[in-house]
Amino acid sequence: MSSYPPPGPGIGEQIEDVIARIQFEVRQAAQYVNDAIVPQVRSESIAAMRSLSETLKNLADKIDRRQGPRG
């Protein structure tokens, strides 16, 4: 006579193991995002803001030149 389920850890233990593994993987993913992705995005965002700032300055200068002297 065969027994079902097969001998070994119970389904509850298996579920706990899976949950623990998922929690570990989520922590690892969050750490990767914090260590690698966030600094890169921050750096690229700063560069983009500086570029945009320069573009806006140039546009304002161009508008000033086209309006001529004030007064």
N, C-alpha and C. Protein backbone atom coordinates (compact mmCIF):
# COMPACT_ATOMS: atom_id res chain seq x y z
N MET A 1 0.83 -1.16 0.00
CA MET A 1 0.00 0.00 0.00
C MET A 1 0.89 1.24 0.00
N SER A 2 0.66 2.16 -0.94
CA SER A 2 1.48 3.37 -0.99
C SER A 2 0.82 4.45 -0.14
N SER A 3 1.68 5.28 0.36
CA SER A 3 1.14 6.37 1.19
C SER A 3 1.16 7.66 0.38
N TYR A 4 0.15 8.48 0.56
CA TYR A 4 0.09 9.76 -0.12
C TYR A 4 -0.19 10.81 0.93
N PRO A 5 0.49 11.87 1.03
CA PRO A 5 1.64 12.29 0.24
C PRO A 5 2.90 11.51 0.60
N PRO A 6 3.93 11.59 -0.25
CA PRO A 6 5.15 10.84 0.02
C PRO A 6 5.80 11.31 1.31
N PRO A 7 6.60 10.44 1.91
CA PRO A 7 7.26 10.83 3.16
C PRO A 7 8.19 12.02 2.93
N GLY A 8 8.41 12.78 3.93
CA GLY A 8 9.28 13.96 3.84
C GLY A 8 8.61 15.11 4.55
N PRO A 9 9.15 16.29 4.31
CA PRO A 9 8.56 17.45 4.98
C PRO A 9 7.10 17.63 4.57
N GLY A 10 6.33 18.07 5.49
CA GLY A 10 4.91 18.30 5.21
C GLY A 10 4.71 19.49 4.31
N ILE A 11 3.52 19.60 3.78
CA ILE A 11 3.20 20.69 2.87
C ILE A 11 3.37 22.04 3.55
N GLY A 12 3.06 22.10 4.82
CA GLY A 12 3.24 23.35 5.58
C GLY A 12 4.69 23.78 5.61
N GLU A 13 5.58 22.82 5.84
CA GLU A 13 7.01 23.13 5.86
C GLU A 13 7.49 23.55 4.47
N GLN A 14 6.97 22.91 3.45
CA GLN A 14 7.36 23.26 2.09
C GLN A 14 6.92 24.69 1.75
N ILE A 15 5.71 25.03 2.17
CA ILE A 15 5.22 26.38 1.92
C ILE A 15 6.06 27.39 2.68
N GLU A 16 6.41 27.09 3.92
CA GLU A 16 7.27 27.99 4.70
C GLU A 16 8.62 28.17 4.03
N ASP A 17 9.18 27.09 3.49
CA ASP A 17 10.45 27.18 2.79
C ASP A 17 10.35 28.06 1.55
N VAL A 18 9.27 27.90 0.81
CA VAL A 18 9.06 28.72 -0.39
C VAL A 18 8.90 30.19 0.00
N ILE A 19 8.13 30.46 1.02
CA ILE A 19 7.93 31.84 1.48
C ILE A 19 9.25 32.45 1.92
N ALA A 20 10.04 31.69 2.67
CA ALA A 20 11.34 32.18 3.11
C ALA A 20 12.24 32.51 1.92
N ARG A 21 12.22 31.65 0.92
CA ARG A 21 13.03 31.88 -0.28
C ARG A 21 12.56 33.12 -1.04
N ILE A 22 11.26 33.29 -1.15
CA ILE A 22 10.72 34.47 -1.82
C ILE A 22 11.11 35.74 -1.06
N GLN A 23 11.00 35.71 0.26
CA GLN A 23 11.39 36.87 1.06
C GLN A 23 12.88 37.19 0.87
N PHE A 24 13.71 36.17 0.83
CA PHE A 24 15.14 36.37 0.61
C PHE A 24 15.38 37.01 -0.75
N GLU A 25 14.72 36.50 -1.78
CA GLU A 25 14.91 37.02 -3.13
C GLU A 25 14.43 38.47 -3.23
N VAL A 26 13.33 38.79 -2.58
CA VAL A 26 12.83 40.17 -2.60
C VAL A 26 13.82 41.10 -1.90
N ARG A 27 14.38 40.67 -0.77
CA ARG A 27 15.39 41.48 -0.08
C ARG A 27 16.61 41.69 -0.97
N GLN A 28 17.04 40.62 -1.66
CA GLN A 28 18.19 40.73 -2.56
C GLN A 28 17.89 41.71 -3.70
N ALA A 29 16.70 41.63 -4.27
CA ALA A 29 16.32 42.52 -5.36
C ALA A 29 16.28 43.97 -4.89
N ALA A 30 15.72 44.20 -3.72
CA ALA A 30 15.66 45.55 -3.17
C ALA A 30 17.06 46.10 -2.92
N GLN A 31 17.94 45.26 -2.41
CA GLN A 31 19.32 45.69 -2.17
C GLN A 31 20.02 46.04 -3.48
N TYR A 32 19.79 45.24 -4.50
CA TYR A 32 20.38 45.52 -5.82
C TYR A 32 19.88 46.85 -6.35
N VAL A 33 18.58 47.09 -6.25
CA VAL A 33 18.01 48.36 -6.73
C VAL A 33 18.64 49.52 -5.97
N ASN A 34 18.76 49.40 -4.65
CA ASN A 34 19.35 50.47 -3.84
C ASN A 34 20.82 50.68 -4.15
N ASP A 35 21.55 49.61 -4.40
CA ASP A 35 23.00 49.72 -4.60
C ASP A 35 23.39 50.07 -6.03
N ALA A 36 22.64 49.61 -7.02
CA ALA A 36 23.06 49.79 -8.41
C ALA A 36 22.14 50.71 -9.20
N ILE A 37 20.86 50.54 -9.09
CA ILE A 37 19.93 51.29 -9.93
C ILE A 37 19.76 52.73 -9.45
N VAL A 38 19.50 52.92 -8.16
CA VAL A 38 19.23 54.25 -7.63
C VAL A 38 20.39 55.22 -7.89
N PRO A 39 21.64 54.85 -7.60
CA PRO A 39 22.73 55.80 -7.87
C PRO A 39 22.86 56.15 -9.36
N GLN A 40 22.65 55.19 -10.23
CA GLN A 40 22.73 55.44 -11.67
C GLN A 40 21.62 56.40 -12.11
N VAL A 41 20.41 56.16 -11.65
CA VAL A 41 19.28 57.03 -12.00
C VAL A 41 19.52 58.44 -11.46
N ARG A 42 20.01 58.52 -10.25
CA ARG A 42 20.29 59.83 -9.64
C ARG A 42 21.33 60.59 -10.46
N SER A 43 22.40 59.90 -10.84
CA SER A 43 23.46 60.53 -11.63
C SER A 43 22.94 61.00 -12.98
N GLU A 44 22.17 60.16 -13.65
CA GLU A 44 21.64 60.54 -14.96
C GLU A 44 20.61 61.66 -14.84
N SER A 45 19.84 61.67 -13.76
CA SER A 45 18.86 62.73 -13.55
C SER A 45 19.54 64.07 -13.34
N ILE A 46 20.61 64.08 -12.58
CA ILE A 46 21.36 65.31 -12.34
C ILE A 46 21.94 65.84 -13.64
N ALA A 47 22.51 64.96 -14.44
CA ALA A 47 23.06 65.37 -15.74
C ALA A 47 21.96 65.93 -16.64
N ALA A 48 20.79 65.29 -16.64
CA ALA A 48 19.68 65.77 -17.46
C ALA A 48 19.20 67.14 -16.98
N MET A 49 19.12 67.34 -15.67
CA MET A 49 18.68 68.64 -15.14
C MET A 49 19.69 69.74 -15.51
N ARG A 50 20.97 69.42 -15.46
CA ARG A 50 21.98 70.42 -15.84
C ARG A 50 21.86 70.77 -17.32
N SER A 51 21.66 69.77 -18.14
CA SER A 51 21.50 70.00 -19.58
C SER A 51 20.25 70.84 -19.84
N LEU A 52 19.15 70.50 -19.19
CA LEU A 52 17.92 71.25 -19.35
C LEU A 52 18.09 72.68 -18.87
N SER A 53 18.79 72.87 -17.78
CA SER A 53 19.03 74.21 -17.26
C SER A 53 19.79 75.05 -18.28
N GLU A 54 20.80 74.48 -18.88
CA GLU A 54 21.58 75.19 -19.90
C GLU A 54 20.71 75.51 -21.11
N THR A 55 19.88 74.57 -21.53
CA THR A 55 18.97 74.80 -22.66
C THR A 55 17.99 75.92 -22.36
N LEU A 56 17.42 75.93 -21.16
CA LEU A 56 16.49 76.98 -20.77
C LEU A 56 17.18 78.34 -20.69
N LYS A 57 18.41 78.37 -20.21
CA LYS A 57 19.18 79.62 -20.15
C LYS A 57 19.39 80.15 -21.56
N ASN A 58 19.78 79.27 -22.47
CA ASN A 58 20.01 79.69 -23.85
C ASN A 58 18.72 80.20 -24.49
N LEU A 59 17.60 79.54 -24.22
CA LEU A 59 16.32 79.99 -24.74
C LEU A 59 15.95 81.36 -24.19
N ALA A 60 16.13 81.57 -22.91
CA ALA A 60 15.83 82.87 -22.30
C ALA A 60 16.72 83.95 -22.90
N ASP A 61 17.99 83.65 -23.11
CA ASP A 61 18.90 84.63 -23.74
C ASP A 61 18.43 84.97 -25.16
N LYS A 62 18.00 83.97 -25.91
CA LYS A 62 17.53 84.18 -27.27
C LYS A 62 16.28 85.05 -27.28
N ILE A 63 15.36 84.78 -26.35
CA ILE A 63 14.14 85.59 -26.26
C ILE A 63 14.50 87.03 -25.92
N ASP A 64 15.42 87.23 -24.99
CA ASP A 64 15.86 88.57 -24.61
C ASP A 64 16.44 89.31 -25.82
N ARG A 65 17.25 88.65 -26.61
CA ARG A 65 17.86 89.28 -27.77
C ARG A 65 16.82 89.68 -28.81
N ARG A 66 15.80 88.85 -29.00
CA ARG A 66 14.76 89.13 -29.99
C ARG A 66 13.86 90.28 -29.57
N GLN A 67 13.68 90.47 -28.27
CA GLN A 67 12.81 91.54 -27.78
C GLN A 67 13.48 92.89 -27.90
N GLY A 68 14.78 92.91 -27.96
CA GLY A 68 15.50 94.17 -28.06
C GLY A 68 15.61 94.85 -26.71
N PRO A 69 16.08 96.08 -26.73
CA PRO A 69 16.26 96.80 -25.45
C PRO A 69 14.92 97.06 -24.76
N ARG A 70 14.97 96.99 -23.47
CA ARG A 70 13.76 97.22 -22.67
C ARG A 70 13.70 98.69 -22.27
N GLY A 71 12.48 99.13 -22.09
CA GLY A 71 12.35 100.46 -21.53
C GLY A 71 11.60 101.40 -22.29
